[in-house]
C-alpha atoms as a PDB file:
ATOM      1  CA  MET A   1     100.101  70.682 106.880  1.00  0.00           C
ATOM      2  CA  GLY A   2     100.554  69.225 110.334  1.00  0.00           C
ATOM      3  CA  THR A   3      98.448  66.479 111.803  1.00  0.00           C
ATOM      4  CA  SER A   4      96.292  66.937 114.839  1.00  0.00           C
ATOM      5  CA  VAL A   5      97.226  65.532 118.199  1.00  0.00           C
ATOM      6  CA  SER A   6      95.893  65.825 121.717  1.00  0.00           C
ATOM      7  CA  VAL A   7      98.529  66.242 124.382  1.00  0.00           C
ATOM      8  CA  ASN A   8      97.533  65.203 127.867  1.00  0.00           C
ATOM      9  CA  PRO A   9      97.332  68.521 129.767  1.00  0.00           C
ATOM     10  CA  SER A  10      98.438  66.785 132.943  1.00  0.00           C
ATOM     11  CA  ALA A  11     101.481  65.161 131.346  1.00  0.00           C
ATOM     12  CA  LYS A  12     104.815  66.083 132.883  1.00  0.00           C
ATOM     13  CA  CYS A  13     108.248  66.301 131.317  1.00  0.00           C
ATOM     14  CA  SER A  14     110.439  63.676 132.975  1.00  0.00           C
ATOM     15  CA  ARG A  15     112.540  64.855 135.927  1.00  0.00           C
ATOM     16  CA  THR A  16     110.945  68.300 136.028  1.00  0.00           C
ATOM     17  CA  GLY A  17     107.217  68.491 136.540  1.00  0.00           C
ATOM     18  CA  HIS A  18     106.752  70.930 133.641  1.00  0.00           C
ATOM     19  CA  THR A  19     103.126  70.697 132.551  1.00  0.00           C
ATOM     20  CA  LEU A  20     102.504  70.172 128.863  1.00  0.00           C
ATOM     21  CA  SER A  21      99.795  72.353 127.377  1.00  0.00           C
ATOM     22  CA  ARG A  22      97.072  70.893 125.180  1.00  0.00           C
ATOM     23  CA  SER A  23      97.680  71.416 121.450  1.00  0.00           C
ATOM     24  CA  SER A  24      95.309  70.699 118.586  1.00  0.00           C
ATOM     25  CA  GLU A  25      97.910  71.588 115.952  1.00  0.00           C
ATOM     26  CA  ARG A  26     101.453  70.343 116.453  1.00  0.00           C
ATOM     27  CA  TYR A  27     102.797  72.387 113.515  1.00  0.00           C
ATOM     28  CA  PRO A  28     103.916  75.044 114.026  1.00  0.00           C
ATOM     29  CA  GLU A  29     102.602  75.793 117.514  1.00  0.00           C
ATOM     30  CA  GLY A  30     102.933  72.554 119.453  1.00  0.00           C
ATOM     31  CA  GLY A  31     102.684  72.614 123.231  1.00  0.00           C
ATOM     32  CA  SER A  32     105.706  70.396 123.804  1.00  0.00           C
ATOM     33  CA  GLN A  33     108.417  71.380 126.230  1.00  0.00           C
ATOM     34  CA  PRO A  34     112.180  71.182 125.600  1.00  0.00           C
ATOM     35  CA  SER A  35     114.154  68.225 126.908  1.00  0.00           C
ATOM     36  CA  GLY A  36     117.828  68.939 126.258  1.00  0.00           C
ATOM     37  CA  SER A  37     120.455  71.615 125.757  1.00  0.00           C
ATOM     38  CA  SER A  38     120.981  74.877 123.917  1.00  0.00           C
ATOM     39  CA  VAL A  39     124.627  75.519 123.208  1.00  0.00           C
ATOM     40  CA  THR A  40     126.235  78.696 122.011  1.00  0.00           C
ATOM     41  CA  TYR A  41     129.430  79.172 123.934  1.00  0.00           C
ATOM     42  CA  PRO A  42     130.135  81.325 125.834  1.00  0.00           C
ATOM     43  CA  GLU A  43     127.808  84.291 125.353  1.00  0.00           C
ATOM     44  CA  THR A  44     124.388  82.624 125.575  1.00  0.00           C
ATOM     45  CA  VAL A  45     125.141  80.107 128.314  1.00  0.00           C
ATOM     46  CA  ARG A  46     125.638  80.697 132.024  1.00  0.00           C
ATOM     47  CA  ASP A  47     127.369  78.231 134.309  1.00  0.00           C
ATOM     48  CA  ASP A  48     124.442  78.341 136.716  1.00  0.00           C
ATOM     49  CA  GLU A  49     121.661  78.101 134.121  1.00  0.00           C
ATOM     50  CA  GLU A  50     119.311  75.202 134.822  1.00  0.00           C
ATOM     51  CA  MET A  51     117.830  73.245 131.950  1.00  0.00           C
ATOM     52  CA  PRO A  52     114.296  71.767 132.071  1.00  0.00           C
ATOM     53  CA  HIS A  53     115.528  68.440 133.416  1.00  0.00           C
ATOM     54  CA  GLY A  54     117.476  69.899 136.303  1.00  0.00           C
ATOM     55  CA  THR A  55     120.903  69.443 134.723  1.00  0.00           C
ATOM     56  CA  LYS A  56     123.452  72.145 134.127  1.00  0.00           C
ATOM     57  CA  ASN A  57     123.178  73.523 130.598  1.00  0.00           C
ATOM     58  CA  ARG A  58     126.839  72.851 129.865  1.00  0.00           C
ATOM     59  CA  HIS A  59     127.103  69.607 131.806  1.00  0.00           C
ATOM     60  CA  SER A  60     126.897  67.532 128.647  1.00  0.00           C
ATOM     61  CA  ILE A  61     129.824  69.338 127.036  1.00  0.00           C
ATOM     62  CA  HIS A  62     132.121  69.812 130.044  1.00  0.00           C
ATOM     63  CA  HIS A  63     133.505  66.325 129.545  1.00  0.00           C
ATOM     64  CA  LEU A  64     134.181  67.096 125.902  1.00  0.00           C
ATOM     65  CA  ALA A  65     135.867  70.357 126.818  1.00  0.00           C
ATOM     66  CA  SER A  66     138.171  68.594 129.264  1.00  0.00           C
ATOM     67  CA  THR A  67     138.998  65.633 127.009  1.00  0.00           C
ATOM     68  CA  SER A  68     138.391  65.815 123.267  1.00  0.00           C
ATOM     69  CA  CYS A  69     138.658  69.586 123.016  1.00  0.00           C
ATOM     70  CA  GLU A  70     141.771  69.839 125.171  1.00  0.00           C
ATOM     71  CA  LYS A  71     143.505  67.077 123.258  1.00  0.00           C
ATOM     72  CA  ALA A  72     142.515  68.537 119.912  1.00  0.00           C
ATOM     73  CA  GLY A  73     143.407  72.020 121.126  1.00  0.00           C
ATOM     74  CA  ASP A  74     146.874  70.847 122.106  1.00  0.00           C
ATOM     75  CA  THR A  75     147.346  69.171 118.742  1.00  0.00           C
ATOM     76  CA  MET A  76     146.172  72.206 116.776  1.00  0.00           C
ATOM     77  CA  ARG A  77     147.668  74.736 119.199  1.00  0.00           C
ATOM     78  CA  VAL A  78     144.367  76.541 119.724  1.00  0.00           C
ATOM     79  CA  SER A  79     142.308  77.177 122.825  1.00  0.00           C
ATOM     80  CA  PRO A  80     139.814  74.378 123.626  1.00  0.00           C
ATOM     81  CA  LEU A  81     137.108  77.070 123.830  1.00  0.00           C
ATOM     82  CA  GLN A  82     137.605  77.772 120.116  1.00  0.00           C
ATOM     83  CA  LEU A  83     136.272  74.299 119.358  1.00  0.00           C
ATOM     84  CA  LEU A  84     132.896  74.884 121.031  1.00  0.00           C
ATOM     85  CA  PRO A  85     129.906  76.492 119.294  1.00  0.00           C
ATOM     86  CA  LYS A  86     130.099  80.265 119.479  1.00  0.00           C
ATOM     87  CA  PHE A  87     127.865  82.609 117.511  1.00  0.00           C
ATOM     88  CA  PRO A  88     128.571  84.175 115.105  1.00  0.00           C
ATOM     89  CA  GLY A  89     131.984  82.480 115.234  1.00  0.00           C
ATOM     90  CA  HIS A  90     135.577  82.860 116.367  1.00  0.00           C
ATOM     91  CA  LYS A  91     136.541  84.900 113.308  1.00  0.00           C
ATOM     92  CA  PRO A  92     135.984  88.656 113.046  1.00  0.00           C
ATOM     93  CA  VAL A  93     132.409  89.429 111.976  1.00  0.00           C
ATOM     94  CA  ARG A  94     133.690  91.189 108.870  1.00  0.00           C
ATOM     95  CA  ALA A  95     135.517  88.030 107.771  1.00  0.00           C
ATOM     96  CA  ILE A  96     132.399  85.916 108.382  1.00  0.00           C
ATOM     97  CA  LYS A  97     130.332  88.232 106.191  1.00  0.00           C
ATOM     98  CA  GLU A  98     132.951  88.252 103.425  1.00  0.00           C
ATOM     99  CA  GLU A  99     133.096  84.455 103.331  1.00  0.00           C
ATOM    100  CA  PHE A 100     129.309  84.208 103.012  1.00  0.00           C
ATOM    101  CA  HIS A 101     129.288  86.939 100.361  1.00  0.00           C
ATOM    102  CA  MET A 102     131.716  84.963  98.213  1.00  0.00           C
ATOM    103  CA  ILE A 103     129.424  81.934  98.017  1.00  0.00           C
ATOM    104  CA  ALA A 104     126.961  83.482  95.572  1.00  0.00           C
ATOM    105  CA  GLU A 105     128.998  86.379  94.205  1.00  0.00           C
ATOM    106  CA  SER A 106     128.063  85.386  90.649  1.00  0.00           C
ATOM    107  CA  PRO A 107     126.118  87.417  89.706  1.00  0.00           C
ATOM    108  CA  LEU A 108     125.846  89.022  93.164  1.00  0.00           C
ATOM    109  CA  GLY A 109     126.660  87.775  96.649  1.00  0.00           C
ATOM    110  CA  PHE A 110     124.249  88.077  99.559  1.00  0.00           C
ATOM    111  CA  PRO A 111     125.344  90.907 101.880  1.00  0.00           C
ATOM    112  CA  ASN A 112     125.758  91.093 105.654  1.00  0.00           C
ATOM    113  CA  VAL A 113     125.209  87.388 106.447  1.00  0.00           C
ATOM    114  CA  ILE A 114     126.574  86.050 109.743  1.00  0.00           C
ATOM    115  CA  GLY A 115     124.892  82.643 109.763  1.00  0.00           C
ATOM    116  CA  CYS A 116     122.590  80.224 107.954  1.00  0.00           C
ATOM    117  CA  LEU A 117     119.798  78.562 109.898  1.00  0.00           C
ATOM    118  CA  ASP A 118     117.908  75.295 109.543  1.00  0.00           C
ATOM    119  CA  GLY A 119     116.302  72.529 111.537  1.00  0.00           C
ATOM    120  CA  THR A 120     116.932  68.800 111.235  1.00  0.00           C
ATOM    121  CA  HIS A 121     115.281  65.782 112.822  1.00  0.00           C
ATOM    122  CA  ILE A 122     117.338  63.157 114.636  1.00  0.00           C
ATOM    123  CA  PRO A 123     115.303  59.926 114.963  1.00  0.00           C
ATOM    124  CA  ILE A 124     115.062  58.319 118.405  1.00  0.00           C
ATOM    125  CA  ILE A 125     113.254  55.346 119.900  1.00  0.00           C
ATOM    126  CA  ALA A 126     109.785  56.008 121.282  1.00  0.00           C
ATOM    127  CA  PRO A 127     110.217  57.485 124.777  1.00  0.00           C
ATOM    128  CA  SER A 128     108.313  56.082 127.736  1.00  0.00           C
ATOM    129  CA  GLN A 129     106.837  59.472 128.671  1.00  0.00           C
ATOM    130  CA  ASN A 130     104.993  62.000 126.475  1.00  0.00           C
ATOM    131  CA  GLU A 131     105.575  59.725 123.495  1.00  0.00           C
ATOM    132  CA  ALA A 132     103.202  61.598 121.167  1.00  0.00           C
ATOM    133  CA  ASP A 133     105.125  64.858 121.523  1.00  0.00           C
ATOM    134  CA  TYR A 134     108.155  63.305 119.814  1.00  0.00           C
ATOM    135  CA  VAL A 135     106.278  62.178 116.694  1.00  0.00           C
ATOM    136  CA  ASN A 136     107.181  64.442 113.759  1.00  0.00           C
ATOM    137  CA  ARG A 137     105.164  65.033 110.603  1.00  0.00           C
ATOM    138  CA  LYS A 138     106.689  61.923 109.033  1.00  0.00           C
ATOM    139  CA  SER A 139     105.276  59.889 111.953  1.00  0.00           C
ATOM    140  CA  ILE A 140     108.807  59.242 113.267  1.00  0.00           C
ATOM    141  CA  HIS A 141     109.940  59.867 116.850  1.00  0.00           C
ATOM    142  CA  SER A 142     112.668  62.481 116.799  1.00  0.00           C
ATOM    143  CA  ILE A 143     114.462  65.435 118.340  1.00  0.00           C
ATOM    144  CA  ASN A 144     114.161  68.572 116.216  1.00  0.00           C
ATOM    145  CA  VAL A 145     117.573  70.260 116.270  1.00  0.00           C
ATOM    146  CA  GLN A 146     118.290  73.843 115.232  1.00  0.00           C
ATOM    147  CA  ILE A 147     121.637  74.334 113.520  1.00  0.00           C
ATOM    148  CA  ILE A 148     123.383  77.587 112.572  1.00  0.00           C
ATOM    149  CA  CYS A 149     126.665  77.469 110.679  1.00  0.00           C
ATOM    150  CA  ASP A 150     129.259  79.722 109.106  1.00  0.00           C
ATOM    151  CA  ALA A 151     130.522  79.576 105.527  1.00  0.00           C
ATOM    152  CA  ALA A 152     133.216  77.030 106.463  1.00  0.00           C
ATOM    153  CA  HIS A 153     130.678  74.443 107.761  1.00  0.00           C
ATOM    154  CA  ILE A 154     131.523  75.185 111.400  1.00  0.00           C
ATOM    155  CA  ILE A 155     128.420  74.965 113.603  1.00  0.00           C
ATOM    156  CA  THR A 156     128.159  78.172 115.598  1.00  0.00           C
ATOM    157  CA  ASN A 157     124.874  77.474 117.407  1.00  0.00           C
ATOM    158  CA  VAL A 158     122.919  74.321 118.243  1.00  0.00           C
ATOM    159  CA  GLU A 159     119.545  73.971 119.966  1.00  0.00           C
ATOM    160  CA  ALA A 160     119.173  70.289 120.831  1.00  0.00           C
ATOM    161  CA  LYS A 161     116.264  70.109 123.247  1.00  0.00           C
ATOM    162  CA  TRP A 162     112.944  70.120 121.366  1.00  0.00           C
ATOM    163  CA  PRO A 163     110.653  67.142 120.598  1.00  0.00           C
ATOM    164  CA  GLY A 164     110.027  66.314 116.950  1.00  0.00           C
ATOM    165  CA  SER A 165     106.475  67.706 116.987  1.00  0.00           C
ATOM    166  CA  VAL A 166     107.761  71.266 117.491  1.00  0.00           C
ATOM    167  CA  HIS A 167     108.176  73.371 114.371  1.00  0.00           C
ATOM    168  CA  ASP A 168     111.436  75.052 113.346  1.00  0.00           C
ATOM    169  CA  SER A 169     109.976  78.539 113.643  1.00  0.00           C
ATOM    170  CA  ARG A 170     108.970  78.030 117.276  1.00  0.00           C
ATOM    171  CA  ILE A 171     112.401  76.686 118.167  1.00  0.00           C
ATOM    172  CA  TYR A 172     114.028  79.815 116.781  1.00  0.00           C
ATOM    173  CA  ARG A 173     111.432  82.170 118.277  1.00  0.00           C
ATOM    174  CA  GLU A 174     111.994  80.797 121.776  1.00  0.00           C
ATOM    175  CA  SER A 175     115.783  80.721 121.556  1.00  0.00           C
ATOM    176  CA  SER A 176     117.969  83.243 123.365  1.00  0.00           C
ATOM    177  CA  LEU A 177     119.701  83.968 120.053  1.00  0.00           C
ATOM    178  CA  SER A 178     116.420  85.129 118.525  1.00  0.00           C
ATOM    179  CA  ASN A 179     116.012  87.612 121.377  1.00  0.00           C
ATOM    180  CA  ARG A 180     119.564  88.871 120.950  1.00  0.00           C
ATOM    181  CA  MET A 181     119.106  89.302 117.214  1.00  0.00           C
ATOM    182  CA  GLY A 182     115.804  91.099 117.727  1.00  0.00           C
ATOM    183  CA  GLN A 183     117.355  93.468 120.259  1.00  0.00           C
ATOM    184  CA  GLY A 184     120.094  94.450 117.821  1.00  0.00           C
ATOM    185  CA  GLU A 185     122.956  92.833 119.741  1.00  0.00           C
ATOM    186  CA  MET A 186     124.324  91.190 116.592  1.00  0.00           C
ATOM    187  CA  ASP A 187     125.516  93.065 113.501  1.00  0.00           C
ATOM    188  CA  GLY A 188     124.276  91.016 110.584  1.00  0.00           C
ATOM    189  CA  LEU A 189     121.604  88.761 109.132  1.00  0.00           C
ATOM    190  CA  LEU A 190     120.596  85.127 109.361  1.00  0.00           C
ATOM    191  CA  LEU A 191     119.287  83.282 106.310  1.00  0.00           C
ATOM    192  CA  GLY A 192     116.449  80.777 106.674  1.00  0.00           C
ATOM    193  CA  ASP A 193     113.987  78.968 104.412  1.00  0.00           C
ATOM    194  CA  ARG A 194     110.280  79.707 104.060  1.00  0.00           C
ATOM    195  CA  GLY A 195     109.567  77.690 107.177  1.00  0.00           C
ATOM    196  CA  TYR A 196     110.615  80.788 109.127  1.00  0.00           C
ATOM    197  CA  PRO A 197     108.898  84.191 109.111  1.00  0.00           C
ATOM    198  CA  CYS A 198     110.815  86.952 107.363  1.00  0.00           C
ATOM    199  CA  GLN A 199     112.143  89.306 110.050  1.00  0.00           C
ATOM    200  CA  PRO A 200     114.501  92.300 109.954  1.00  0.00           C
ATOM    201  CA  THR A 201     117.374  90.056 111.084  1.00  0.00           C
ATOM    202  CA  LEU A 202     116.183  86.783 109.493  1.00  0.00           C
ATOM    203  CA  MET A 203     115.860  86.869 105.724  1.00  0.00           C
ATOM    204  CA  THR A 204     113.745  84.314 103.879  1.00  0.00           C
ATOM    205  CA  PRO A 205     113.222  84.063 100.088  1.00  0.00           C
ATOM    206  CA  TYR A 206     110.338  85.666  98.233  1.00  0.00           C
ATOM    207  CA  PRO A 207     107.500  83.118  98.086  1.00  0.00           C
ATOM    208  CA  GLU A 208     106.553  84.132  94.530  1.00  0.00           C
ATOM    209  CA  PRO A 209     109.463  86.169  93.134  1.00  0.00           C
ATOM    210  CA  GLU A 210     108.904  88.530  90.254  1.00  0.00           C
ATOM    211  CA  PRO A 211     111.348  88.399  87.327  1.00  0.00           C
ATOM    212  CA  GLY A 212     114.460  90.497  87.863  1.00  0.00           C
ATOM    213  CA  PRO A 213     115.699  91.677  91.276  1.00  0.00           C
ATOM    214  CA  GLN A 214     113.481  89.346  93.333  1.00  0.00           C
ATOM    215  CA  GLN A 215     114.647  86.321  91.366  1.00  0.00           C
ATOM    216  CA  HIS A 216     118.263  87.458  91.783  1.00  0.00           C
ATOM    217  CA  PHE A 217     117.634  87.886  95.506  1.00  0.00           C
ATOM    218  CA  ASN A 218     116.243  84.360  95.784  1.00  0.00           C
ATOM    219  CA  MET A 219     119.079  82.867  93.754  1.00  0.00           C
ATOM    220  CA  ALA A 220     121.735  84.440  95.974  1.00  0.00           C
ATOM    221  CA  HIS A 221     119.759  83.558  99.086  1.00  0.00           C
ATOM    222  CA  ASN A 222     119.340  79.905  98.093  1.00  0.00           C
ATOM    223  CA  ARG A 223     122.977  79.447  97.088  1.00  0.00           C
ATOM    224  CA  THR A 224     124.182  80.953 100.349  1.00  0.00           C
ATOM    225  CA  ARG A 225     121.690  79.226 102.617  1.00  0.00           C
ATOM    226  CA  ALA A 226     122.558  75.868 101.055  1.00  0.00           C
ATOM    227  CA  ARG A 227     125.692  75.977 103.227  1.00  0.00           C
ATOM    228  CA  VAL A 228     123.683  74.943 106.303  1.00  0.00           C
ATOM    229  CA  GLU A 229     122.094  72.035 104.437  1.00  0.00           C
ATOM    230  CA  MET A 230     125.580  70.876 103.473  1.00  0.00           C
ATOM    231  CA  THR A 231     126.754  71.273 107.062  1.00  0.00           C
ATOM    232  CA  ILE A 232     123.896  69.155 108.402  1.00  0.00           C
ATOM    233  CA  GLY A 233     124.640  66.559 105.730  1.00  0.00           C
ATOM    234  CA  LEU A 234     128.291  66.445 106.772  1.00  0.00           C
ATOM    235  CA  LEU A 235     127.347  66.123 110.441  1.00  0.00           C
ATOM    236  CA  LYS A 236     125.024  63.177 109.797  1.00  0.00           C
ATOM    237  CA  SER A 237     127.434  61.489 107.388  1.00  0.00           C
ATOM    238  CA  ARG A 238     130.330  61.833 109.812  1.00  0.00           C
ATOM    239  CA  PHE A 239     128.334  60.439 112.743  1.00  0.00           C
ATOM    240  CA  GLN A 240     126.181  57.572 111.535  1.00  0.00           C
ATOM    241  CA  CYS A 241     124.697  57.155 115.021  1.00  0.00           C
ATOM    242  CA  LEU A 242     122.544  60.212 114.264  1.00  0.00           C
ATOM    243  CA  ARG A 243     120.530  58.128 111.824  1.00  0.00           C
ATOM    244  CA  HIS A 244     118.729  56.619 114.829  1.00  0.00           C
ATOM    245  CA  LEU A 245     119.567  57.071 118.491  1.00  0.00           C
ATOM    246  CA  ARG A 246     118.328  54.236 120.698  1.00  0.00           C
ATOM    247  CA  VAL A 247     118.454  56.224 123.924  1.00  0.00           C
ATOM    248  CA  THR A 248     116.222  58.490 125.998  1.00  0.00           C
ATOM    249  CA  PRO A 249     115.503  62.002 124.692  1.00  0.00           C
ATOM    250  CA  GLU A 250     117.738  63.540 127.364  1.00  0.00           C
ATOM    251  CA  ARG A 251     120.643  61.304 126.443  1.00  0.00           C
ATOM    252  CA  ALA A 252     119.990  61.858 122.726  1.00  0.00           C
ATOM    253  CA  CYS A 253     120.348  65.611 123.212  1.00  0.00           C
ATOM    254  CA  ASP A 254     123.712  65.110 124.919  1.00  0.00           C
ATOM    255  CA  ILE A 255     124.928  62.884 122.083  1.00  0.00           C
ATOM    256  CA  ILE A 256     123.827  65.374 119.442  1.00  0.00           C
ATOM    257  CA  VAL A 257     125.725  68.211 121.125  1.00  0.00           C
ATOM    258  CA  ALA A 258     128.789  65.977 121.479  1.00  0.00           C
ATOM    259  CA  CYS A 259     128.664  65.163 117.761  1.00  0.00           C
ATOM    260  CA  VAL A 260     128.442  68.882 116.938  1.00  0.00           C
ATOM    261  CA  VAL A 261     131.560  69.625 118.985  1.00  0.00           C
ATOM    262  CA  LEU A 262     133.452  66.747 117.361  1.00  0.00           C
ATOM    263  CA  HIS A 263     132.247  67.896 113.932  1.00  0.00           C
ATOM    264  CA  ASN A 264     133.748  71.333 114.552  1.00  0.00           C
ATOM    265  CA  ILE A 265     137.020  69.720 115.605  1.00  0.00           C
ATOM    266  CA  ALA A 266     137.072  67.739 112.352  1.00  0.00           C
ATOM    267  CA  ILE A 267     136.409  70.863 110.270  1.00  0.00           C
ATOM    268  CA  ILE A 268     139.113  72.888 112.017  1.00  0.00           C
ATOM    269  CA  ARG A 269     141.572  70.022 111.637  1.00  0.00           C
ATOM    270  CA  GLY A 270     140.808  69.889 107.921  1.00  0.00           C
ATOM    271  CA  GLU A 271     139.778  66.244 107.974  1.00  0.00           C
ATOM    272  CA  GLN A 272     138.417  64.789 104.758  1.00  0.00           C
ATOM    273  CA  HIS A 273     134.696  65.312 104.266  1.00  0.00           C
ATOM    274  CA  PRO A 274     132.601  62.137 104.251  1.00  0.00           C
ATOM    275  CA  ALA A 275     130.126  61.486 101.456  1.00  0.00           C
ATOM    276  CA  LEU A 276     127.267  63.893 102.013  1.00  0.00           C
ATOM    277  CA  GLN A 277     123.994  62.641 103.431  1.00  0.00           C
ATOM    278  CA  THR A 278     121.451  65.057 102.005  1.00  0.00           C
ATOM    279  CA  GLN A 279     118.005  65.773 103.389  1.00  0.00           C
ATOM    280  CA  ASP A 280     114.846  66.805 101.604  1.00  0.00           C
ATOM    281  CA  PRO A 281     114.735  70.616 101.971  1.00  0.00           C
ATOM    282  CA  GLU A 282     110.935  70.539 101.779  1.00  0.00           C
ATOM    283  CA  ALA A 283     110.520  67.759 104.357  1.00  0.00           C
ATOM    284  CA  ASP A 284     109.622  70.045 107.266  1.00  0.00           C
ATOM    285  CA  LEU A 285     108.678  73.193 105.370  1.00  0.00           C
ATOM    286  CA  ILE A 286     105.495  74.865 106.538  1.00  0.00           C
ATOM    287  CA  HIS A 287     105.184  78.460 105.438  1.00  0.00           C
ATOM    288  CA  THR A 288     104.688  81.005 108.195  1.00  0.00           C
ATOM    289  CA  GLY A 289     103.521  84.605 108.031  1.00  0.00           C
ATOM    290  CA  ASP A 290     106.178  87.217 107.399  1.00  0.00           C
ATOM    291  CA  PHE A 291     106.669  90.246 109.630  1.00  0.00           C
ATOM    292  CA  GLN A 292     105.862  93.578 107.985  1.00  0.00           C
ATOM    293  CA  ASP A 293     109.195  95.089 109.032  1.00  0.00           C
ATOM    294  CA  GLY A 294     110.930  91.957 107.760  1.00  0.00           C
ATOM    295  CA  ARG A 295     109.410  92.418 104.310  1.00  0.00           C
ATOM    296  CA  VAL A 296     110.528  96.045 104.330  1.00  0.00           C
ATOM    297  CA  VAL A 297     114.136  95.050 104.986  1.00  0.00           C
ATOM    298  CA  ARG A 298     113.956  92.314 102.334  1.00  0.00           C
ATOM    299  CA  ASP A 299     112.631  94.760  99.737  1.00  0.00           C
ATOM    300  CA  LEU A 300     115.333  97.270 100.681  1.00  0.00           C
ATOM    301  CA  ILE A 301     118.099  94.691 100.153  1.00  0.00           C
ATOM    302  CA  CYS A 302     116.482  93.616  96.908  1.00  0.00           C
ATOM    303  CA  ARG A 303     116.398  97.172  95.517  1.00  0.00           C
ATOM    304  CA  ASN A 304     119.827  98.251  96.738  1.00  0.00           C
ATOM    305  CA  VAL A 305     121.794  95.081  95.922  1.00  0.00           C
ATOM    306  CA  PHE A 306     120.004  93.040  93.278  1.00  0.00           C
ATOM    307  CA  ALA A 307     118.313  95.674  91.092  1.00  0.00           C
ATOM    308  CA  ASN A 308     121.356  96.283  88.917  1.00  0.00           C
END
């Protein structure tokens, strides 16, 4: 369970004047405000969208698009835009689903998946303002980053703007992608761990699976969702700076997004994978209540796909 903290109700996020609300429980409903960027290009980002610190949402990746991405795009003969995070990906949705389905096809693959979701903490030095909001449940200052990937380890969505005290489920709930999924704009499912509530478009495993179909469901779910854990491990192994960023939170968010873009370039170029840096899957796992309609969809998939 989370630890208690009192956030100064008059505290302001740097550069903005956003007031932080008082929170007695940092997990999962902390009152912290975001401090960086959300990047899914191009659908969920507008050129004129202002981020909490008064910077353009894509400002931190424009330089990458005009340098690293253009150079890599020329080398690989692809558009630079294909190297930036785009959900659910640059491939046809049907191909994305087929690739995910193949991961756990023995005995049965998980159907209709368009992305796997997880959060990861990037340690930073203690900031000069609102320091307590960045302390995660391991008592480390960090940025909590949401990552969504495809079956090929390409990162298709990154939310790099939340202090370490904010829980994964809140980050997803307040993302524009969550709204789009909930409104039926995307054809497919996300897979997440038990730190997220089961929703019609976000499948989580059964907390106490019964023998048979529910166990088969969980097995396929876990094997498929492991792809995002591997992707995060590759990202951190490829960019050792992410072990501890000695910069301000705002700058840390920019660096994280830059590393994601460069990671995608490396994957598309087929560069050799570094030795994986794994993370404890239970490190930030706090179970949240499932949605009734989410459980209905989960049971339907279980009966129709995993009962045989």
